[in-house]
Amino acid sequence: MHPLPDMIGAPLATAMTDIMTVPAGVVRQITGAQVANVDGTNPVDVTLQWVDASNGNAVTRVAYNLEIPEKDARPISVAPLALHPDDRLQAQASADGDAEILISFFDLPETA
């Protein structure tokens, strides 16, 4: 059986915000990420980070202050990124509501 792909999207704010938290019992394979600047006038900077629950919630930035021009979108290179239970992806933008993020993923059963 092949895993079914899924997606999650969210508007970004200036505060670092959880985009997803991996549930118990799965390993979440991130297959893609894209950020769109929905502001028609100004560029926006976006940061995406992984919070590693198994390492004291250590933060590793996947993209840092990536500038997205107005009315444009950019992929963020994330693959392959395997997240484990309670790991999180967080993101923020330099202006509230000026950017939206889309993450594609699939879940696999966690095995010992």
N, C-alpha and C. Protein backbone atom coordinates (compact mmCIF):
# COMPACT_ATOMS: atom_id res chain seq x y z
N MET A 1 0.83 -1.17 0.00
CA MET A 1 0.00 0.00 0.00
C MET A 1 0.88 1.24 0.00
N HIS A 2 0.57 2.18 -0.86
CA HIS A 2 1.32 3.42 -0.95
C HIS A 2 0.67 4.48 -0.06
N PRO A 3 1.51 5.31 0.60
CA PRO A 3 0.93 6.37 1.43
C PRO A 3 0.24 7.42 0.57
N LEU A 4 -0.82 7.99 1.10
CA LEU A 4 -1.54 9.04 0.38
C LEU A 4 -0.93 10.40 0.70
N PRO A 5 -0.64 11.20 -0.32
CA PRO A 5 -0.10 12.54 -0.06
C PRO A 5 -1.17 13.45 0.54
N ASP A 6 -0.71 14.42 1.29
CA ASP A 6 -1.61 15.39 1.90
C ASP A 6 -0.94 16.75 1.85
N MET A 7 -1.70 17.80 2.16
CA MET A 7 -1.18 19.16 2.15
C MET A 7 -1.77 19.93 3.31
N ILE A 8 -1.01 20.94 3.73
CA ILE A 8 -1.50 21.88 4.72
C ILE A 8 -1.05 23.27 4.27
N GLY A 9 -1.93 24.23 4.41
CA GLY A 9 -1.61 25.60 4.06
C GLY A 9 -1.99 26.53 5.18
N ALA A 10 -1.25 27.66 5.28
CA ALA A 10 -1.55 28.61 6.35
C ALA A 10 -1.02 29.98 6.00
N PRO A 11 -1.73 31.03 6.42
CA PRO A 11 -1.17 32.38 6.32
C PRO A 11 -0.08 32.53 7.38
N LEU A 12 0.90 33.38 7.12
CA LEU A 12 2.00 33.57 8.06
C LEU A 12 1.89 34.91 8.76
N ALA A 13 2.37 34.94 10.00
CA ALA A 13 2.37 36.14 10.82
C ALA A 13 3.81 36.49 11.18
N THR A 14 4.00 37.61 11.87
CA THR A 14 5.36 38.01 12.26
C THR A 14 5.88 37.19 13.43
N ALA A 15 5.00 36.55 14.18
CA ALA A 15 5.43 35.65 15.26
C ALA A 15 5.67 34.26 14.69
N MET A 16 6.72 33.59 15.16
CA MET A 16 6.98 32.22 14.74
C MET A 16 5.80 31.37 15.19
N THR A 17 5.19 30.65 14.23
CA THR A 17 3.95 29.91 14.48
C THR A 17 4.08 28.48 14.01
N ASP A 18 3.52 27.54 14.79
CA ASP A 18 3.49 26.14 14.37
C ASP A 18 2.63 25.99 13.13
N ILE A 19 3.18 25.36 12.10
CA ILE A 19 2.43 25.03 10.89
C ILE A 19 1.91 23.60 11.00
N MET A 20 2.72 22.72 11.56
CA MET A 20 2.29 21.34 11.79
C MET A 20 3.07 20.73 12.93
N THR A 21 2.41 19.79 13.62
CA THR A 21 3.03 18.96 14.64
C THR A 21 2.75 17.52 14.25
N VAL A 22 3.79 16.70 14.26
CA VAL A 22 3.64 15.30 13.84
C VAL A 22 2.95 14.51 14.95
N PRO A 23 1.87 13.80 14.61
CA PRO A 23 1.17 13.00 15.62
C PRO A 23 1.96 11.74 16.00
N ALA A 24 1.56 11.15 17.12
CA ALA A 24 2.18 9.91 17.58
C ALA A 24 1.96 8.80 16.56
N GLY A 25 2.94 7.91 16.46
CA GLY A 25 2.79 6.72 15.65
C GLY A 25 3.14 6.85 14.19
N VAL A 26 3.57 8.05 13.75
CA VAL A 26 3.91 8.22 12.34
C VAL A 26 5.25 8.93 12.17
N VAL A 27 5.85 8.71 11.03
CA VAL A 27 6.97 9.51 10.55
C VAL A 27 6.42 10.29 9.37
N ARG A 28 6.55 11.60 9.43
CA ARG A 28 5.99 12.46 8.38
C ARG A 28 7.10 12.85 7.41
N GLN A 29 6.93 12.45 6.17
CA GLN A 29 7.88 12.77 5.10
C GLN A 29 7.41 14.05 4.41
N ILE A 30 8.21 15.10 4.51
CA ILE A 30 7.89 16.36 3.85
C ILE A 30 8.40 16.26 2.41
N THR A 31 7.52 16.47 1.47
CA THR A 31 7.89 16.32 0.06
C THR A 31 8.02 17.65 -0.67
N GLY A 32 7.50 18.71 -0.08
CA GLY A 32 7.62 20.01 -0.73
C GLY A 32 7.09 21.13 0.14
N ALA A 33 7.57 22.33 -0.15
CA ALA A 33 7.09 23.53 0.53
C ALA A 33 7.16 24.69 -0.45
N GLN A 34 6.17 25.54 -0.39
CA GLN A 34 6.14 26.73 -1.25
C GLN A 34 5.54 27.88 -0.46
N VAL A 35 6.11 29.06 -0.68
CA VAL A 35 5.59 30.27 -0.04
C VAL A 35 5.17 31.24 -1.13
N ALA A 36 3.98 31.82 -0.95
CA ALA A 36 3.47 32.83 -1.88
C ALA A 36 3.39 34.17 -1.15
N ASN A 37 3.83 35.21 -1.83
CA ASN A 37 3.66 36.57 -1.32
C ASN A 37 2.36 37.10 -1.90
N VAL A 38 1.40 37.33 -1.05
CA VAL A 38 0.08 37.77 -1.51
C VAL A 38 -0.08 39.28 -1.42
N ASP A 39 1.01 39.97 -1.09
CA ASP A 39 1.01 41.43 -1.07
C ASP A 39 1.31 41.93 -2.47
N GLY A 40 0.58 42.89 -2.94
CA GLY A 40 0.76 43.39 -4.29
C GLY A 40 1.80 44.47 -4.43
N THR A 41 2.42 44.89 -3.32
CA THR A 41 3.32 46.03 -3.38
C THR A 41 4.73 45.77 -2.88
N ASN A 42 4.87 44.96 -1.83
CA ASN A 42 6.17 44.82 -1.15
C ASN A 42 6.64 43.36 -1.09
N PRO A 43 7.96 43.17 -1.11
CA PRO A 43 8.50 41.83 -0.85
C PRO A 43 8.27 41.46 0.61
N VAL A 44 8.37 40.17 0.91
CA VAL A 44 8.23 39.69 2.27
C VAL A 44 9.34 38.67 2.53
N ASP A 45 9.89 38.67 3.74
CA ASP A 45 10.91 37.70 4.14
C ASP A 45 10.24 36.60 4.94
N VAL A 46 10.64 35.34 4.66
CA VAL A 46 10.02 34.19 5.31
C VAL A 46 11.10 33.30 5.91
N THR A 47 10.82 32.80 7.12
CA THR A 47 11.69 31.82 7.76
C THR A 47 10.86 30.58 8.05
N LEU A 48 11.45 29.40 7.73
CA LEU A 48 10.84 28.10 8.02
C LEU A 48 11.82 27.32 8.86
N GLN A 49 11.35 26.72 9.97
CA GLN A 49 12.26 25.97 10.83
C GLN A 49 11.63 24.68 11.32
N TRP A 50 12.53 23.73 11.61
CA TRP A 50 12.17 22.42 12.17
C TRP A 50 12.50 22.46 13.66
N VAL A 51 11.55 22.01 14.49
CA VAL A 51 11.75 21.89 15.92
C VAL A 51 11.82 20.40 16.24
N ASP A 52 13.00 19.94 16.70
CA ASP A 52 13.28 18.53 16.94
C ASP A 52 12.90 18.15 18.37
N ALA A 53 11.75 17.51 18.52
CA ALA A 53 11.25 17.14 19.86
C ALA A 53 12.17 16.16 20.57
N SER A 54 12.89 15.33 19.82
CA SER A 54 13.76 14.33 20.45
C SER A 54 15.09 14.93 20.91
N ASN A 55 15.32 16.20 20.63
CA ASN A 55 16.57 16.86 20.99
C ASN A 55 16.28 18.16 21.76
N GLY A 56 15.38 18.07 22.73
CA GLY A 56 15.09 19.22 23.57
C GLY A 56 14.48 20.40 22.83
N ASN A 57 13.74 20.10 21.76
CA ASN A 57 13.12 21.14 20.92
C ASN A 57 14.15 22.06 20.27
N ALA A 58 15.28 21.46 19.90
CA ALA A 58 16.32 22.21 19.17
C ALA A 58 15.75 22.69 17.84
N VAL A 59 16.14 23.89 17.44
CA VAL A 59 15.64 24.51 16.22
C VAL A 59 16.70 24.45 15.14
N THR A 60 16.29 24.01 13.95
CA THR A 60 17.15 24.05 12.76
C THR A 60 16.38 24.78 11.68
N ARG A 61 16.96 25.83 11.16
CA ARG A 61 16.29 26.60 10.11
C ARG A 61 16.42 25.90 8.77
N VAL A 62 15.29 25.77 8.10
CA VAL A 62 15.24 25.19 6.75
C VAL A 62 15.44 26.30 5.72
N ALA A 63 14.84 27.46 5.99
CA ALA A 63 15.02 28.67 5.18
C ALA A 63 15.03 29.84 6.15
N TYR A 64 15.93 30.79 5.92
CA TYR A 64 16.05 31.92 6.84
C TYR A 64 15.98 33.23 6.08
N ASN A 65 14.98 34.02 6.41
CA ASN A 65 14.79 35.33 5.77
C ASN A 65 14.83 35.25 4.25
N LEU A 66 14.16 34.25 3.72
CA LEU A 66 14.05 34.08 2.27
C LEU A 66 13.13 35.17 1.73
N GLU A 67 13.66 36.01 0.84
CA GLU A 67 12.86 37.12 0.31
C GLU A 67 12.00 36.64 -0.85
N ILE A 68 10.70 36.88 -0.73
CA ILE A 68 9.74 36.55 -1.78
C ILE A 68 9.24 37.87 -2.37
N PRO A 69 9.48 38.12 -3.65
CA PRO A 69 9.01 39.38 -4.25
C PRO A 69 7.47 39.46 -4.23
N GLU A 70 6.97 40.70 -4.32
CA GLU A 70 5.53 40.90 -4.33
C GLU A 70 4.90 40.12 -5.48
N LYS A 71 3.69 39.60 -5.22
CA LYS A 71 2.91 38.81 -6.20
C LYS A 71 3.70 37.67 -6.80
N ASP A 72 4.50 36.98 -5.98
CA ASP A 72 5.33 35.90 -6.48
C ASP A 72 5.29 34.74 -5.49
N ALA A 73 5.84 33.61 -5.90
CA ALA A 73 5.94 32.44 -5.03
C ALA A 73 7.30 31.79 -5.25
N ARG A 74 7.79 31.12 -4.20
CA ARG A 74 9.08 30.44 -4.28
C ARG A 74 8.98 29.09 -3.59
N PRO A 75 9.58 28.06 -4.20
CA PRO A 75 9.68 26.79 -3.49
C PRO A 75 10.77 26.89 -2.43
N ILE A 76 10.61 26.12 -1.38
CA ILE A 76 11.65 26.00 -0.36
C ILE A 76 12.14 24.56 -0.43
N SER A 77 13.42 24.38 -0.61
CA SER A 77 13.99 23.03 -0.70
C SER A 77 13.96 22.36 0.67
N VAL A 78 13.13 21.33 0.81
CA VAL A 78 12.98 20.64 2.08
C VAL A 78 13.19 19.14 1.97
N ALA A 79 13.08 18.60 0.80
CA ALA A 79 13.12 17.15 0.65
C ALA A 79 14.55 16.65 0.57
N PRO A 80 14.87 15.53 1.13
CA PRO A 80 13.98 14.75 2.01
C PRO A 80 14.10 15.23 3.45
N LEU A 81 12.97 15.39 4.09
CA LEU A 81 12.92 15.79 5.49
C LEU A 81 11.92 14.88 6.18
N ALA A 82 12.41 14.06 7.09
CA ALA A 82 11.56 13.13 7.83
C ALA A 82 11.38 13.64 9.25
N LEU A 83 10.15 13.89 9.63
CA LEU A 83 9.84 14.38 10.96
C LEU A 83 9.22 13.26 11.79
N HIS A 84 9.55 13.24 13.07
CA HIS A 84 9.09 12.19 13.97
C HIS A 84 8.05 12.75 14.95
N PRO A 85 7.37 11.87 15.71
CA PRO A 85 6.31 12.33 16.60
C PRO A 85 6.73 13.52 17.47
N ASP A 86 5.85 14.50 17.53
CA ASP A 86 6.01 15.74 18.29
C ASP A 86 6.98 16.74 17.67
N ASP A 87 7.67 16.37 16.57
CA ASP A 87 8.44 17.37 15.83
C ASP A 87 7.47 18.37 15.24
N ARG A 88 7.95 19.58 15.01
CA ARG A 88 7.10 20.62 14.46
C ARG A 88 7.81 21.35 13.32
N LEU A 89 7.02 21.87 12.40
CA LEU A 89 7.49 22.86 11.44
C LEU A 89 6.86 24.18 11.84
N GLN A 90 7.69 25.22 11.90
CA GLN A 90 7.22 26.55 12.25
C GLN A 90 7.63 27.52 11.15
N ALA A 91 6.88 28.60 11.02
CA ALA A 91 7.22 29.61 10.02
C ALA A 91 6.79 30.98 10.49
N GLN A 92 7.40 31.99 9.90
CA GLN A 92 7.02 33.37 10.16
C GLN A 92 7.35 34.21 8.93
N ALA A 93 6.72 35.36 8.85
CA ALA A 93 6.96 36.31 7.76
C ALA A 93 7.27 37.68 8.36
N SER A 94 7.86 38.53 7.55
CA SER A 94 8.23 39.87 8.02
C SER A 94 7.03 40.80 8.13
N ALA A 95 5.89 40.41 7.57
CA ALA A 95 4.67 41.22 7.67
C ALA A 95 3.47 40.30 7.83
N ASP A 96 2.60 40.60 8.79
CA ASP A 96 1.40 39.78 9.03
C ASP A 96 0.53 39.69 7.78
N GLY A 97 0.18 38.45 7.42
CA GLY A 97 -0.78 38.22 6.35
C GLY A 97 -0.27 38.44 4.94
N ASP A 98 1.02 38.76 4.78
CA ASP A 98 1.55 39.01 3.43
C ASP A 98 2.05 37.74 2.74
N ALA A 99 2.16 36.65 3.49
CA ALA A 99 2.67 35.41 2.90
C ALA A 99 1.80 34.24 3.33
N GLU A 100 1.72 33.24 2.44
CA GLU A 100 1.02 31.99 2.73
C GLU A 100 1.95 30.84 2.39
N ILE A 101 1.94 29.81 3.24
CA ILE A 101 2.81 28.66 3.03
C ILE A 101 1.97 27.42 2.72
N LEU A 102 2.50 26.57 1.87
CA LEU A 102 1.86 25.31 1.51
C LEU A 102 2.91 24.21 1.69
N ILE A 103 2.57 23.21 2.48
CA ILE A 103 3.47 22.08 2.76
C ILE A 103 2.80 20.81 2.25
N SER A 104 3.52 20.02 1.45
CA SER A 104 3.01 18.71 1.03
C SER A 104 3.78 17.62 1.78
N PHE A 105 3.07 16.54 2.13
CA PHE A 105 3.67 15.50 2.95
C PHE A 105 2.89 14.20 2.83
N PHE A 106 3.49 13.14 3.36
CA PHE A 106 2.75 11.91 3.59
C PHE A 106 3.26 11.28 4.87
N ASP A 107 2.41 10.48 5.50
CA ASP A 107 2.74 9.83 6.77
C ASP A 107 3.00 8.35 6.55
N LEU A 108 4.01 7.86 7.25
CA LEU A 108 4.33 6.43 7.28
C LEU A 108 4.25 5.94 8.71
N PRO A 109 3.90 4.67 8.92
CA PRO A 109 3.88 4.15 10.28
C PRO A 109 5.26 4.20 10.90
N GLU A 110 5.32 4.61 12.17
CA GLU A 110 6.58 4.62 12.88
C GLU A 110 6.88 3.19 13.32
N THR A 111 8.09 2.74 13.05
CA THR A 111 8.50 1.40 13.47
C THR A 111 9.71 1.50 14.37
N ALA A 112 9.82 0.56 15.27
CA ALA A 112 10.94 0.57 16.23
C ALA A 112 12.22 0.11 15.60
